[in-house]
N, C-alpha and C. Protein backbone atom coordinates (compact mmCIF):
# COMPACT_ATOMS: atom_id res chain seq x y z
N UNK A 1 98.74 87.96 101.61
CA UNK A 1 99.83 88.28 100.94
C UNK A 1 101.10 88.54 101.83
N UNK A 2 102.05 87.83 101.23
CA UNK A 2 103.07 88.13 102.22
C UNK A 2 104.28 89.11 102.07
N UNK A 3 104.49 89.93 103.36
CA UNK A 3 105.49 91.04 103.23
C UNK A 3 107.06 90.75 102.58
N UNK A 4 107.39 91.64 102.02
CA UNK A 4 108.71 91.53 101.43
C UNK A 4 109.83 90.86 102.59
N UNK A 5 109.75 91.49 103.59
CA UNK A 5 110.52 91.44 105.03
C UNK A 5 110.45 89.85 105.31
N UNK A 6 109.30 89.06 105.13
CA UNK A 6 109.22 87.76 105.43
C UNK A 6 109.99 86.89 104.72
N UNK A 7 110.20 87.25 103.40
CA UNK A 7 111.19 86.49 102.54
C UNK A 7 112.60 86.63 102.56
N UNK A 8 112.75 88.30 102.32
CA UNK A 8 114.34 88.56 101.81
C UNK A 8 114.75 89.32 102.86
N UNK A 9 113.98 89.87 103.97
CA UNK A 9 114.68 90.86 104.52
C UNK A 9 114.24 92.26 104.23
N UNK A 10 113.87 93.29 105.59
CA UNK A 10 113.48 94.70 105.33
C UNK A 10 114.67 95.33 104.92
N UNK A 11 114.78 95.89 103.84
CA UNK A 11 115.82 96.73 103.40
C UNK A 11 115.75 98.44 103.64
N UNK A 12 116.17 98.69 104.74
CA UNK A 12 116.06 100.27 104.75
C UNK A 12 116.86 101.34 104.13
N UNK A 13 116.25 102.29 103.90
CA UNK A 13 116.74 103.59 102.86
C UNK A 13 117.17 104.56 104.14
N UNK A 14 118.70 104.59 104.45
CA UNK A 14 118.98 105.47 105.23
C UNK A 14 119.18 107.02 104.57
N UNK A 15 118.68 107.95 105.38
CA UNK A 15 118.39 109.27 104.84
C UNK A 15 119.20 109.94 105.96
N UNK A 16 119.28 111.56 105.66
CA UNK A 16 119.90 112.50 106.57
C UNK A 16 119.18 112.75 108.01
N UNK A 17 117.67 112.28 107.77
CA UNK A 17 116.68 112.74 108.60
C UNK A 17 116.31 111.42 109.62
N UNK A 18 116.43 110.08 108.96
CA UNK A 18 116.32 109.06 109.69
C UNK A 18 116.33 107.78 108.59
N UNK A 19 115.10 106.78 108.29
CA UNK A 19 115.36 106.26 107.46
C UNK A 19 113.90 105.56 107.20
N UNK A 20 113.63 104.87 106.23
CA UNK A 20 112.37 104.63 105.71
C UNK A 20 112.23 103.15 104.84
N UNK A 21 110.99 102.15 104.99
CA UNK A 21 111.31 100.86 104.30
C UNK A 21 109.64 100.72 104.23
N UNK A 22 109.64 99.49 103.47
CA UNK A 22 108.10 99.19 102.92
C UNK A 22 108.02 97.74 102.77
N UNK A 23 106.93 97.60 103.06
CA UNK A 23 106.22 95.86 102.40
C UNK A 23 105.26 96.58 101.41
N UNK A 24 104.57 95.30 101.07
CA UNK A 24 103.70 95.47 99.76
C UNK A 24 102.59 96.26 100.62
N UNK A 25 102.10 96.06 101.75
CA UNK A 25 100.90 97.12 102.09
C UNK A 25 101.15 98.36 103.13
N UNK A 26 102.49 98.33 103.59
CA UNK A 26 102.73 99.46 104.50
C UNK A 26 104.04 100.03 104.09
N UNK A 27 103.92 101.45 104.49
CA UNK A 27 105.42 102.42 104.39
C UNK A 27 105.67 102.63 106.03
N UNK A 28 107.01 102.23 106.40
CA UNK A 28 107.42 102.77 107.87
C UNK A 28 108.76 103.98 107.45
N UNK A 29 108.34 105.07 108.50
CA UNK A 29 109.30 105.94 108.34
C UNK A 29 109.66 106.09 109.74
N UNK A 30 111.19 106.39 110.30
CA UNK A 30 111.62 106.70 111.21
C UNK A 30 112.29 107.67 111.18
N UNK A 31 112.05 108.89 111.96
CA UNK A 31 112.71 110.22 112.09
C UNK A 31 113.63 110.42 113.33
N UNK A 32 114.96 110.69 113.29
CA UNK A 32 115.77 110.74 114.25
C UNK A 32 115.86 112.26 114.68
N UNK A 33 115.85 112.26 115.92
CA UNK A 33 115.80 113.49 116.62
C UNK A 33 116.74 113.72 117.78
N UNK A 34 117.76 114.49 118.10
CA UNK A 34 118.40 114.57 119.30
C UNK A 34 117.70 115.79 120.10
N UNK A 35 116.56 116.32 120.02
CA UNK A 35 115.66 117.27 120.91
C UNK A 35 114.74 116.28 121.53
N UNK A 36 114.29 116.83 122.92
CA UNK A 36 113.42 116.45 123.54
C UNK A 36 112.02 116.81 123.13
N UNK A 37 111.30 115.95 122.79
CA UNK A 37 109.76 116.27 122.15
C UNK A 37 108.96 115.79 122.60
N UNK A 38 107.89 116.74 122.72
CA UNK A 38 106.40 116.44 122.94
C UNK A 38 105.30 116.22 121.56
N UNK A 39 104.43 115.39 121.84
CA UNK A 39 103.61 115.35 120.66
C UNK A 39 102.82 116.28 120.21
N UNK A 40 102.77 117.16 120.82
CA UNK A 40 102.50 118.57 120.05
C UNK A 40 103.55 119.06 118.91
N UNK A 41 104.92 119.02 119.44
CA UNK A 41 105.82 119.25 118.52
C UNK A 41 105.83 118.82 117.39
N UNK A 42 105.16 117.63 117.04
CA UNK A 42 105.32 117.03 115.75
C UNK A 42 103.71 116.70 114.82
N UNK A 43 104.07 117.32 113.67
CA UNK A 43 102.89 117.31 112.83
C UNK A 43 103.16 116.08 111.84
N UNK A 44 102.60 115.27 111.50
CA UNK A 44 102.50 114.49 110.45
C UNK A 44 101.44 114.35 109.63
N UNK A 45 101.62 114.37 108.45
CA UNK A 45 100.17 114.39 107.49
C UNK A 45 100.59 113.37 106.64
N UNK A 46 99.46 112.04 106.23
CA UNK A 46 99.88 110.94 105.42
C UNK A 46 98.56 111.08 104.75
N UNK A 47 98.76 111.28 103.32
CA UNK A 47 97.29 110.93 102.13
C UNK A 47 97.72 109.97 101.12
N UNK A 48 96.89 109.79 100.57
CA UNK A 48 97.49 108.73 99.57
C UNK A 48 98.59 109.17 98.57
N UNK A 49 98.63 110.65 98.08
CA UNK A 49 99.53 110.83 97.24
C UNK A 49 100.82 111.82 97.91
N UNK A 50 100.75 112.47 99.26
CA UNK A 50 101.27 112.94 99.75
C UNK A 50 101.42 112.67 101.02
N UNK A 51 103.00 113.27 101.68
CA UNK A 51 103.43 112.67 103.13
C UNK A 51 104.26 114.01 103.33
N UNK A 52 103.99 114.10 104.69
CA UNK A 52 104.85 115.41 105.51
C UNK A 52 104.94 114.95 106.84
N UNK A 53 105.96 115.70 107.38
CA UNK A 53 106.37 115.68 108.64
C UNK A 53 107.22 116.98 109.25
N UNK A 54 106.73 117.55 110.00
CA UNK A 54 107.12 118.66 110.55
C UNK A 54 107.72 118.53 112.14
N UNK A 55 108.58 118.85 112.49
CA UNK A 55 108.88 118.99 113.78
C UNK A 55 109.30 120.53 114.54
N UNK A 56 108.53 120.83 115.15
CA UNK A 56 108.65 122.49 115.75
C UNK A 56 108.84 123.28 114.83
N UNK A 57 107.77 123.12 113.74
CA UNK A 57 107.43 124.30 112.78
C UNK A 57 108.84 123.70 111.83
N UNK A 58 109.53 123.01 111.67
CA UNK A 58 110.63 122.76 111.05
C UNK A 58 110.28 121.46 109.76
N UNK A 59 110.16 121.47 108.65
CA UNK A 59 109.67 120.62 107.17
C UNK A 59 111.03 119.77 107.57
N UNK A 60 110.66 118.63 107.89
CA UNK A 60 111.52 117.42 108.09
C UNK A 60 111.67 116.47 106.82
N UNK A 61 110.48 116.15 106.23
CA UNK A 61 110.27 115.65 105.14
C UNK A 61 108.93 116.15 104.64
N UNK A 62 108.73 116.14 103.18
CA UNK A 62 107.68 116.29 102.43
C UNK A 62 107.91 115.79 101.10
N UNK A 63 107.03 115.07 100.84
CA UNK A 63 107.05 114.46 99.49
C UNK A 63 105.64 114.43 98.73
N UNK A 64 105.71 114.61 97.47
CA UNK A 64 104.40 114.33 96.97
C UNK A 64 104.67 113.47 95.64
N UNK A 65 103.71 112.24 95.47
CA UNK A 65 103.69 111.42 94.60
C UNK A 65 102.75 111.50 93.74
N UNK A 66 103.19 112.13 92.30
CA UNK A 66 102.33 112.76 91.14
C UNK A 66 101.68 111.26 90.71
N UNK A 67 102.09 109.94 90.79
CA UNK A 67 101.53 108.82 90.40
C UNK A 67 102.25 108.60 88.97
N UNK A 68 101.43 107.61 88.37
CA UNK A 68 101.85 107.43 86.98
C UNK A 68 100.95 107.69 86.20
N UNK A 69 100.94 109.15 85.75
CA UNK A 69 99.66 109.77 85.11
C UNK A 69 100.62 110.37 83.74
N UNK A 70 100.31 109.63 82.68
CA UNK A 70 100.99 110.04 81.55
C UNK A 70 100.05 110.76 80.27
N UNK A 71 99.03 111.39 81.01
CA UNK A 71 98.06 111.95 80.12
C UNK A 71 98.45 113.09 79.18
N UNK A 72 99.64 113.71 79.79
CA UNK A 72 99.98 115.09 79.00
C UNK A 72 101.31 114.55 78.08
N UNK A 73 101.66 113.18 77.98
CA UNK A 73 103.04 112.86 77.50
C UNK A 73 102.75 112.76 76.17
N UNK A 74 104.00 113.05 75.23
CA UNK A 74 103.92 113.01 73.82
C UNK A 74 105.19 112.05 73.05
N UNK A 75 104.98 111.54 72.37
CA UNK A 75 105.90 110.44 71.75
C UNK A 75 106.69 111.19 70.78
N UNK A 76 107.84 111.20 70.53
CA UNK A 76 108.87 111.82 69.63
C UNK A 76 109.72 110.87 69.27
N UNK A 77 110.33 111.08 68.08
CA UNK A 77 111.34 110.37 67.39
C UNK A 77 110.93 108.87 66.73
N UNK A 78 112.03 108.38 65.96
CA UNK A 78 111.84 107.51 64.98
C UNK A 78 112.57 106.22 65.86
N UNK A 79 111.67 105.20 66.50
CA UNK A 79 112.19 103.90 67.30
C UNK A 79 113.22 103.23 66.54
N UNK A 80 113.14 103.22 65.19
CA UNK A 80 113.89 102.38 64.29
C UNK A 80 115.30 102.72 64.40
N UNK A 81 115.58 103.85 64.65
CA UNK A 81 117.01 104.41 65.07
C UNK A 81 117.51 104.51 66.26
N UNK A 82 116.81 103.98 67.35
CA UNK A 82 117.01 103.72 68.75
C UNK A 82 116.55 104.32 69.68
N UNK A 83 115.34 104.95 69.02
CA UNK A 83 114.56 105.65 70.31
C UNK A 83 114.24 107.15 69.97
N UNK A 84 113.60 107.74 70.68
CA UNK A 84 113.33 109.28 70.51
C UNK A 84 114.51 110.11 70.69
N UNK A 85 114.48 111.34 70.20
CA UNK A 85 115.37 112.35 70.01
C UNK A 85 115.16 113.33 71.16
N UNK A 86 115.84 113.66 72.42
CA UNK A 86 115.62 114.19 73.44
C UNK A 86 116.43 115.44 73.02
N UNK A 87 115.79 116.85 73.64
CA UNK A 87 116.39 118.02 73.50
C UNK A 87 117.47 117.77 74.25
N UNK A 88 118.48 118.86 73.88
CA UNK A 88 120.01 118.95 74.52
C UNK A 88 119.59 120.03 75.48
């Protein structure tokens, strides 16, 4: 399976803490820091639906991906008239 960057080039998403990009199989995260760091200063936790990065006990990045679970979703509205009526 080919990586995205092999065909069209990797596109980095720049943020205030660094940048990230992904291929079909991998996610890359670069975190920029002005401080001099030891490996003990950095805590990175990567799980299938969660990622967090802490530097010197400061949260730099924390994200939870709830996935595509629509088990609690409901359908409302009449689609003949253009779609559901959303609460205002």
